[in-house]
């Protein structure tokens, strides 16, 4: 299920960190201190990697989606997006 800006805005912190997924590996991590962080999870050469994109609202849902698509394009070429940065 795709996230919307309203859904991200309404996410509330809990006692432990939790994730809410968008799709294609993009998710937002909600920490107990009320920070919301965009992350992109992917696999390259059989290893799971995590690309940190930024904090919401400084990085919007649209911007996070654009970074995800750029990272997926690099993965298609066999380039590690984390190493590329």
N, C-alpha and C. Protein backbone atom coordinates (compact mmCIF):
# COMPACT_ATOMS: atom_id res chain seq x y z
N UNK A 1 0.84 -1.18 0.00
CA UNK A 1 0.00 0.00 0.00
C UNK A 1 0.89 1.24 0.00
N UNK A 2 0.61 2.15 -0.86
CA UNK A 2 1.39 3.39 -0.96
C UNK A 2 1.00 4.35 0.15
N UNK A 3 2.00 5.00 0.71
CA UNK A 3 1.77 6.00 1.75
C UNK A 3 1.32 7.31 1.13
N UNK A 4 0.65 8.11 1.92
CA UNK A 4 0.30 9.47 1.53
C UNK A 4 0.92 10.44 2.52
N UNK A 5 1.00 11.71 2.17
CA UNK A 5 1.55 12.72 3.07
C UNK A 5 0.76 12.80 4.37
N UNK A 6 -0.55 12.66 4.29
CA UNK A 6 -1.39 12.73 5.48
C UNK A 6 -1.09 11.56 6.41
N UNK A 7 -0.91 10.36 5.85
CA UNK A 7 -0.60 9.20 6.68
C UNK A 7 0.74 9.37 7.38
N UNK A 8 1.75 9.87 6.67
CA UNK A 8 3.07 10.08 7.28
C UNK A 8 2.96 11.12 8.40
N UNK A 9 2.22 12.19 8.15
CA UNK A 9 2.06 13.24 9.15
C UNK A 9 1.39 12.72 10.41
N UNK A 10 0.44 11.79 10.26
CA UNK A 10 -0.33 11.29 11.40
C UNK A 10 0.33 10.13 12.13
N UNK A 11 1.49 9.67 11.70
CA UNK A 11 2.19 8.59 12.41
C UNK A 11 2.70 9.11 13.75
N UNK A 12 2.40 8.39 14.81
CA UNK A 12 2.78 8.80 16.15
C UNK A 12 3.84 7.87 16.72
N UNK A 13 4.74 8.41 17.56
CA UNK A 13 5.78 7.56 18.15
C UNK A 13 5.19 6.57 19.15
N UNK A 14 5.89 5.46 19.29
CA UNK A 14 5.54 4.43 20.28
C UNK A 14 6.73 4.27 21.22
N UNK A 15 6.64 3.32 22.13
CA UNK A 15 7.74 3.12 23.06
C UNK A 15 8.96 2.52 22.38
N UNK A 16 8.78 1.82 21.27
CA UNK A 16 9.88 1.25 20.50
C UNK A 16 9.80 1.75 19.06
N UNK A 17 10.95 1.83 18.36
CA UNK A 17 10.92 2.24 16.95
C UNK A 17 10.12 1.24 16.11
N UNK A 18 9.45 1.75 15.08
CA UNK A 18 8.73 0.88 14.15
C UNK A 18 8.80 1.45 12.75
N UNK A 19 8.53 0.58 11.76
CA UNK A 19 8.60 0.97 10.36
C UNK A 19 7.22 0.90 9.73
N UNK A 20 6.99 1.82 8.78
CA UNK A 20 5.79 1.78 7.95
C UNK A 20 6.28 1.82 6.51
N UNK A 21 5.91 0.79 5.74
CA UNK A 21 6.41 0.64 4.38
C UNK A 21 5.57 1.40 3.37
N UNK A 22 6.25 1.89 2.35
CA UNK A 22 5.58 2.47 1.19
C UNK A 22 5.49 1.35 0.15
N UNK A 23 6.47 1.19 -0.70
CA UNK A 23 6.61 0.04 -1.58
C UNK A 23 7.97 0.08 -2.23
N UNK A 24 8.37 -1.03 -2.84
CA UNK A 24 9.68 -1.17 -3.49
C UNK A 24 10.84 -0.86 -2.55
N UNK A 25 10.70 -1.22 -1.28
CA UNK A 25 11.80 -1.08 -0.33
C UNK A 25 11.86 0.22 0.45
N UNK A 26 11.04 1.20 0.11
CA UNK A 26 11.03 2.47 0.82
C UNK A 26 10.16 2.36 2.07
N UNK A 27 10.69 2.83 3.19
CA UNK A 27 9.88 2.86 4.41
C UNK A 27 10.30 4.06 5.26
N UNK A 28 9.43 4.39 6.20
CA UNK A 28 9.71 5.45 7.15
C UNK A 28 9.85 4.81 8.52
N UNK A 29 10.94 5.15 9.22
CA UNK A 29 11.21 4.64 10.55
C UNK A 29 10.79 5.71 11.55
N UNK A 30 9.88 5.34 12.46
CA UNK A 30 9.39 6.27 13.46
C UNK A 30 10.05 5.91 14.79
N UNK A 31 10.83 6.83 15.34
CA UNK A 31 11.54 6.61 16.59
C UNK A 31 10.75 7.17 17.77
N UNK A 32 11.00 6.69 19.00
CA UNK A 32 10.27 7.19 20.17
C UNK A 32 10.42 8.70 20.39
N UNK A 33 11.50 9.29 19.93
CA UNK A 33 11.69 10.73 20.08
C UNK A 33 10.95 11.55 19.05
N UNK A 34 10.05 10.93 18.29
CA UNK A 34 9.20 11.57 17.29
C UNK A 34 9.96 11.95 16.01
N UNK A 35 11.11 11.33 15.75
CA UNK A 35 11.76 11.56 14.47
C UNK A 35 11.24 10.54 13.46
N UNK A 36 11.08 10.98 12.22
CA UNK A 36 10.60 10.13 11.13
C UNK A 36 11.67 10.15 10.05
N UNK A 37 12.27 8.99 9.82
CA UNK A 37 13.41 8.88 8.92
C UNK A 37 13.08 8.01 7.72
N UNK A 38 13.38 8.51 6.52
CA UNK A 38 13.19 7.74 5.29
C UNK A 38 14.37 6.81 5.08
N UNK A 39 14.06 5.55 4.75
CA UNK A 39 15.10 4.56 4.48
C UNK A 39 14.69 3.73 3.26
N UNK A 40 15.69 3.24 2.54
CA UNK A 40 15.46 2.37 1.38
C UNK A 40 16.25 1.09 1.61
N UNK A 41 15.56 -0.05 1.66
CA UNK A 41 16.19 -1.34 1.88
C UNK A 41 16.29 -2.07 0.56
N UNK A 42 17.48 -2.60 0.27
CA UNK A 42 17.70 -3.29 -1.00
C UNK A 42 18.72 -4.40 -0.82
N UNK A 43 18.87 -5.22 -1.84
CA UNK A 43 19.87 -6.29 -1.84
C UNK A 43 20.79 -6.11 -3.03
N UNK A 44 22.08 -6.34 -2.78
CA UNK A 44 23.06 -6.34 -3.85
C UNK A 44 24.09 -7.41 -3.53
N UNK A 45 24.40 -8.22 -4.51
CA UNK A 45 25.32 -9.34 -4.37
C UNK A 45 24.94 -10.23 -3.18
N UNK A 46 23.64 -10.44 -3.00
CA UNK A 46 23.14 -11.33 -1.96
C UNK A 46 23.14 -10.74 -0.56
N UNK A 47 23.53 -9.50 -0.40
CA UNK A 47 23.56 -8.88 0.92
C UNK A 47 22.51 -7.78 1.01
N UNK A 48 21.87 -7.73 2.15
CA UNK A 48 20.87 -6.70 2.39
C UNK A 48 21.57 -5.41 2.82
N UNK A 49 21.18 -4.30 2.23
CA UNK A 49 21.77 -3.00 2.53
C UNK A 49 20.66 -2.02 2.85
N UNK A 50 21.01 -0.92 3.49
CA UNK A 50 20.06 0.10 3.88
C UNK A 50 20.62 1.47 3.50
N UNK A 51 19.85 2.23 2.75
CA UNK A 51 20.22 3.57 2.33
C UNK A 51 19.37 4.57 3.11
N UNK A 52 20.01 5.41 3.91
CA UNK A 52 19.30 6.46 4.65
C UNK A 52 19.09 7.64 3.72
N UNK A 53 17.86 8.12 3.64
CA UNK A 53 17.52 9.19 2.70
C UNK A 53 17.43 10.53 3.40
N UNK A 54 16.81 10.57 4.56
CA UNK A 54 16.69 11.83 5.29
C UNK A 54 15.50 11.81 6.23
N UNK A 55 15.31 12.91 6.93
CA UNK A 55 14.24 13.03 7.91
C UNK A 55 13.03 13.73 7.31
N UNK A 56 11.85 13.27 7.70
CA UNK A 56 10.61 13.93 7.32
C UNK A 56 10.39 15.05 8.31
N UNK A 57 10.00 16.24 8.00
CA UNK A 57 9.46 16.77 6.76
C UNK A 57 10.50 17.43 5.86
N UNK A 58 11.79 17.45 6.26
CA UNK A 58 12.81 18.05 5.40
C UNK A 58 12.88 17.35 4.05
N UNK A 59 12.69 16.02 4.08
CA UNK A 59 12.62 15.23 2.85
C UNK A 59 11.18 14.75 2.73
N UNK A 60 10.49 15.22 1.71
CA UNK A 60 9.08 14.87 1.53
C UNK A 60 8.93 13.45 0.97
N UNK A 61 7.72 12.98 0.95
CA UNK A 61 7.41 11.67 0.38
C UNK A 61 7.80 11.63 -1.10
N UNK A 62 7.53 12.69 -1.82
CA UNK A 62 7.88 12.77 -3.24
C UNK A 62 9.40 12.71 -3.44
N UNK A 63 10.14 13.46 -2.64
CA UNK A 63 11.60 13.44 -2.74
C UNK A 63 12.16 12.07 -2.39
N UNK A 64 11.63 11.44 -1.35
CA UNK A 64 12.09 10.11 -0.95
C UNK A 64 11.82 9.10 -2.07
N UNK A 65 10.67 9.23 -2.72
CA UNK A 65 10.34 8.36 -3.85
C UNK A 65 11.29 8.55 -5.02
N UNK A 66 11.69 9.79 -5.26
CA UNK A 66 12.64 10.08 -6.34
C UNK A 66 14.00 9.47 -6.04
N UNK A 67 14.46 9.58 -4.80
CA UNK A 67 15.73 8.98 -4.41
C UNK A 67 15.66 7.46 -4.55
N UNK A 68 14.53 6.87 -4.15
CA UNK A 68 14.34 5.42 -4.30
C UNK A 68 14.44 5.01 -5.76
N UNK A 69 13.80 5.74 -6.66
CA UNK A 69 13.83 5.40 -8.08
C UNK A 69 15.24 5.53 -8.64
N UNK A 70 15.98 6.57 -8.23
CA UNK A 70 17.38 6.72 -8.66
C UNK A 70 18.22 5.55 -8.17
N UNK A 71 18.00 5.15 -6.93
CA UNK A 71 18.75 4.02 -6.36
C UNK A 71 18.42 2.72 -7.09
N UNK A 72 17.15 2.53 -7.43
CA UNK A 72 16.76 1.32 -8.15
C UNK A 72 17.37 1.30 -9.56
N UNK A 73 17.50 2.47 -10.18
CA UNK A 73 18.14 2.55 -11.50
C UNK A 73 19.61 2.18 -11.39
N UNK A 74 20.28 2.63 -10.35
CA UNK A 74 21.69 2.26 -10.13
C UNK A 74 21.82 0.77 -9.88
N UNK A 75 20.89 0.20 -9.10
CA UNK A 75 20.90 -1.24 -8.84
C UNK A 75 20.75 -2.03 -10.13
N UNK A 76 19.92 -1.55 -11.04
CA UNK A 76 19.72 -2.23 -12.32
C UNK A 76 21.01 -2.26 -13.14
N UNK A 77 21.87 -1.27 -12.92
CA UNK A 77 23.16 -1.22 -13.61
C UNK A 77 24.25 -1.96 -12.85
N UNK A 78 23.91 -2.50 -11.68
CA UNK A 78 24.88 -3.24 -10.87
C UNK A 78 25.72 -2.36 -9.98
N UNK A 79 25.28 -1.13 -9.73
CA UNK A 79 26.02 -0.18 -8.89
C UNK A 79 25.34 -0.11 -7.52
N UNK A 80 26.13 -0.17 -6.47
CA UNK A 80 25.60 -0.06 -5.11
C UNK A 80 25.29 1.41 -4.83
N UNK A 81 24.01 1.75 -4.56
CA UNK A 81 23.65 3.15 -4.32
C UNK A 81 24.35 3.76 -3.09
N UNK A 82 24.57 2.98 -2.05
CA UNK A 82 25.26 3.49 -0.86
C UNK A 82 26.72 3.81 -1.18
N UNK A 83 27.36 2.96 -1.93
CA UNK A 83 28.74 3.19 -2.31
C UNK A 83 28.89 4.33 -3.30
N UNK A 84 27.86 4.56 -4.09
CA UNK A 84 27.89 5.62 -5.09
C UNK A 84 27.90 6.99 -4.45
N UNK A 85 27.17 7.12 -3.32
CA UNK A 85 27.09 8.40 -2.62
C UNK A 85 28.42 8.72 -2.05
